[in-house]
Amino acid sequence: MRRKKKWACVFSIFKGKKVKYFILKFKKMTLKTRSWVKKRVKITGRGKFKLAKAWKRHLLSDKTKKAKKRNKYWLIVSKSETKKIARQLPHG
């Protein structure tokens, strides 16, 4: 199997002569979004992040009405956690 070249050979004209020199190729860095963030976090109109609360998927018959009502709405993420989540959503 052939390996990719790390160097690029470039020709240019210098004082009427063809000169050969090498340039190091660099891969372009890509910003990747964390999958768990894009699936679980929503952004509000003011730019805050909101997450769904836990304990409301199954076995709801065992939970009290008060406990189910408490987990009904979204949770607004705190400022310290907002920085961490924003870092994981580079294009968001």
C-alpha atoms as a PDB file:
ATOM      1  CA  MET A   1       0.000   0.000   0.000  1.00  0.00           C
ATOM      2  CA  ARG A   2       1.322   3.423  -0.919  1.00  0.00           C
ATOM      3  CA  ARG A   3       1.681   6.072   1.726  1.00  0.00           C
ATOM      4  CA  LYS A   4       0.502   9.608   1.106  1.00  0.00           C
ATOM      5  CA  LYS A   5       3.192  12.195   0.544  1.00  0.00           C
ATOM      6  CA  LYS A   6       3.784  14.641   3.336  1.00  0.00           C
ATOM      7  CA  TRP A   7       5.635  16.957   0.999  1.00  0.00           C
ATOM      8  CA  ALA A   8       4.446  18.715  -2.139  1.00  0.00           C
ATOM      9  CA  CYS A   9       6.922  19.301  -4.930  1.00  0.00           C
ATOM     10  CA  VAL A  10       6.547  22.768  -6.443  1.00  0.00           C
ATOM     11  CA  PHE A  11       8.276  24.276  -9.451  1.00  0.00           C
ATOM     12  CA  SER A  12       8.773  27.963 -10.026  1.00  0.00           C
ATOM     13  CA  ILE A  13      10.766  30.181 -12.328  1.00  0.00           C
ATOM     14  CA  PHE A  14      13.644  31.984 -10.606  1.00  0.00           C
ATOM     15  CA  LYS A  15      15.914  34.209 -12.700  1.00  0.00           C
ATOM     16  CA  GLY A  16      14.886  32.404 -15.878  1.00  0.00           C
ATOM     17  CA  LYS A  17      15.614  28.923 -14.473  1.00  0.00           C
ATOM     18  CA  LYS A  18      13.166  26.279 -13.334  1.00  0.00           C
ATOM     19  CA  VAL A  19      13.664  25.743  -9.577  1.00  0.00           C
ATOM     20  CA  LYS A  20      12.282  22.805  -7.640  1.00  0.00           C
ATOM     21  CA  TYR A  21      11.453  23.126  -3.949  1.00  0.00           C
ATOM     22  CA  PHE A  22       9.346  21.260  -1.437  1.00  0.00           C
ATOM     23  CA  ILE A  23       6.509  22.479   0.753  1.00  0.00           C
ATOM     24  CA  LEU A  24       5.186  20.567   3.732  1.00  0.00           C
ATOM     25  CA  LYS A  25       1.493  19.688   3.344  1.00  0.00           C
ATOM     26  CA  PHE A  26      -0.756  20.317   6.327  1.00  0.00           C
ATOM     27  CA  LYS A  27      -4.113  18.679   6.899  1.00  0.00           C
ATOM     28  CA  LYS A  28      -6.902  21.121   7.553  1.00  0.00           C
ATOM     29  CA  MET A  29      -8.213  20.720  11.077  1.00  0.00           C
ATOM     30  CA  THR A  30     -11.938  20.063  11.343  1.00  0.00           C
ATOM     31  CA  LEU A  31     -14.200  21.080  14.183  1.00  0.00           C
ATOM     32  CA  LYS A  32     -16.354  18.186  15.243  1.00  0.00           C
ATOM     33  CA  THR A  33     -19.633  18.446  17.120  1.00  0.00           C
ATOM     34  CA  ARG A  34     -20.176  16.039  20.000  1.00  0.00           C
ATOM     35  CA  SER A  35     -23.068  13.754  19.104  1.00  0.00           C
ATOM     36  CA  TRP A  36     -24.571  13.632  22.588  1.00  0.00           C
ATOM     37  CA  VAL A  37     -24.884  17.426  22.650  1.00  0.00           C
ATOM     38  CA  LYS A  38     -26.662  17.803  19.332  1.00  0.00           C
ATOM     39  CA  LYS A  39     -29.129  15.077  20.331  1.00  0.00           C
ATOM     40  CA  ARG A  40     -29.925  16.280  23.851  1.00  0.00           C
ATOM     41  CA  VAL A  41     -29.453  20.052  24.013  1.00  0.00           C
ATOM     42  CA  LYS A  42     -31.687  22.761  22.575  1.00  0.00           C
ATOM     43  CA  ILE A  43     -30.815  26.454  22.279  1.00  0.00           C
ATOM     44  CA  THR A  44     -33.341  29.038  23.438  1.00  0.00           C
ATOM     45  CA  GLY A  45     -34.020  32.336  21.683  1.00  0.00           C
ATOM     46  CA  ARG A  46     -31.673  34.160  24.042  1.00  0.00           C
ATOM     47  CA  GLY A  47     -28.846  31.701  23.467  1.00  0.00           C
ATOM     48  CA  LYS A  48     -29.223  29.674  26.654  1.00  0.00           C
ATOM     49  CA  PHE A  49     -29.067  25.891  26.624  1.00  0.00           C
ATOM     50  CA  LYS A  50     -31.849  23.675  27.879  1.00  0.00           C
ATOM     51  CA  LEU A  51     -31.800  19.958  28.678  1.00  0.00           C
ATOM     52  CA  ALA A  52     -34.593  17.480  29.297  1.00  0.00           C
ATOM     53  CA  LYS A  53     -34.839  16.319  32.906  1.00  0.00           C
ATOM     54  CA  ALA A  54     -34.288  12.714  33.898  1.00  0.00           C
ATOM     55  CA  TRP A  55     -36.617  10.171  35.578  1.00  0.00           C
ATOM     56  CA  LYS A  56     -39.585  10.539  33.234  1.00  0.00           C
ATOM     57  CA  ARG A  57     -39.220   7.776  30.632  1.00  0.00           C
ATOM     58  CA  HIS A  58     -40.545   4.588  32.207  1.00  0.00           C
ATOM     59  CA  LEU A  59     -41.963   3.115  35.440  1.00  0.00           C
ATOM     60  CA  LEU A  60     -44.118   6.215  35.819  1.00  0.00           C
ATOM     61  CA  SER A  61     -46.846   4.315  37.648  1.00  0.00           C
ATOM     62  CA  ASP A  62     -44.486   3.938  40.627  1.00  0.00           C
ATOM     63  CA  LYS A  63     -43.725   7.663  40.812  1.00  0.00           C
ATOM     64  CA  THR A  64     -45.896  10.190  42.584  1.00  0.00           C
ATOM     65  CA  LYS A  65     -47.834  12.858  40.710  1.00  0.00           C
ATOM     66  CA  LYS A  66     -45.646  15.528  42.284  1.00  0.00           C
ATOM     67  CA  ALA A  67     -42.438  13.826  41.084  1.00  0.00           C
ATOM     68  CA  LYS A  68     -43.779  13.516  37.538  1.00  0.00           C
ATOM     69  CA  LYS A  69     -44.878  17.146  37.504  1.00  0.00           C
ATOM     70  CA  ARG A  70     -41.472  18.296  38.797  1.00  0.00           C
ATOM     71  CA  ASN A  71     -39.712  16.676  35.821  1.00  0.00           C
ATOM     72  CA  LYS A  72     -42.198  17.929  33.246  1.00  0.00           C
ATOM     73  CA  TYR A  73     -40.298  20.947  31.917  1.00  0.00           C
ATOM     74  CA  TRP A  74     -36.842  21.589  30.506  1.00  0.00           C
ATOM     75  CA  LEU A  75     -33.862  22.436  32.691  1.00  0.00           C
ATOM     76  CA  ILE A  76     -31.956  25.653  31.889  1.00  0.00           C
ATOM     77  CA  VAL A  77     -28.225  24.963  32.094  1.00  0.00           C
ATOM     78  CA  SER A  78     -26.085  26.982  34.539  1.00  0.00           C
ATOM     79  CA  LYS A  79     -23.464  29.481  33.310  1.00  0.00           C
ATOM     80  CA  SER A  80     -20.502  27.269  34.209  1.00  0.00           C
ATOM     81  CA  GLU A  81     -21.964  24.305  32.310  1.00  0.00           C
ATOM     82  CA  THR A  82     -22.931  26.567  29.381  1.00  0.00           C
ATOM     83  CA  LYS A  83     -19.259  27.175  28.576  1.00  0.00           C
ATOM     84  CA  LYS A  84     -18.575  23.434  28.452  1.00  0.00           C
ATOM     85  CA  ILE A  85     -21.543  22.736  26.202  1.00  0.00           C
ATOM     86  CA  ALA A  86     -20.778  25.673  23.887  1.00  0.00           C
ATOM     87  CA  ARG A  87     -17.261  24.307  23.387  1.00  0.00           C
ATOM     88  CA  GLN A  88     -18.724  20.994  22.228  1.00  0.00           C
ATOM     89  CA  LEU A  89     -21.041  22.718  19.710  1.00  0.00           C
ATOM     90  CA  PRO A  90     -18.550  24.593  17.500  1.00  0.00           C
ATOM     91  CA  HIS A  91     -21.029  25.299  14.688  1.00  0.00           C
ATOM     92  CA  GLY A  92     -24.086  25.896  16.866  1.00  0.00           C
END
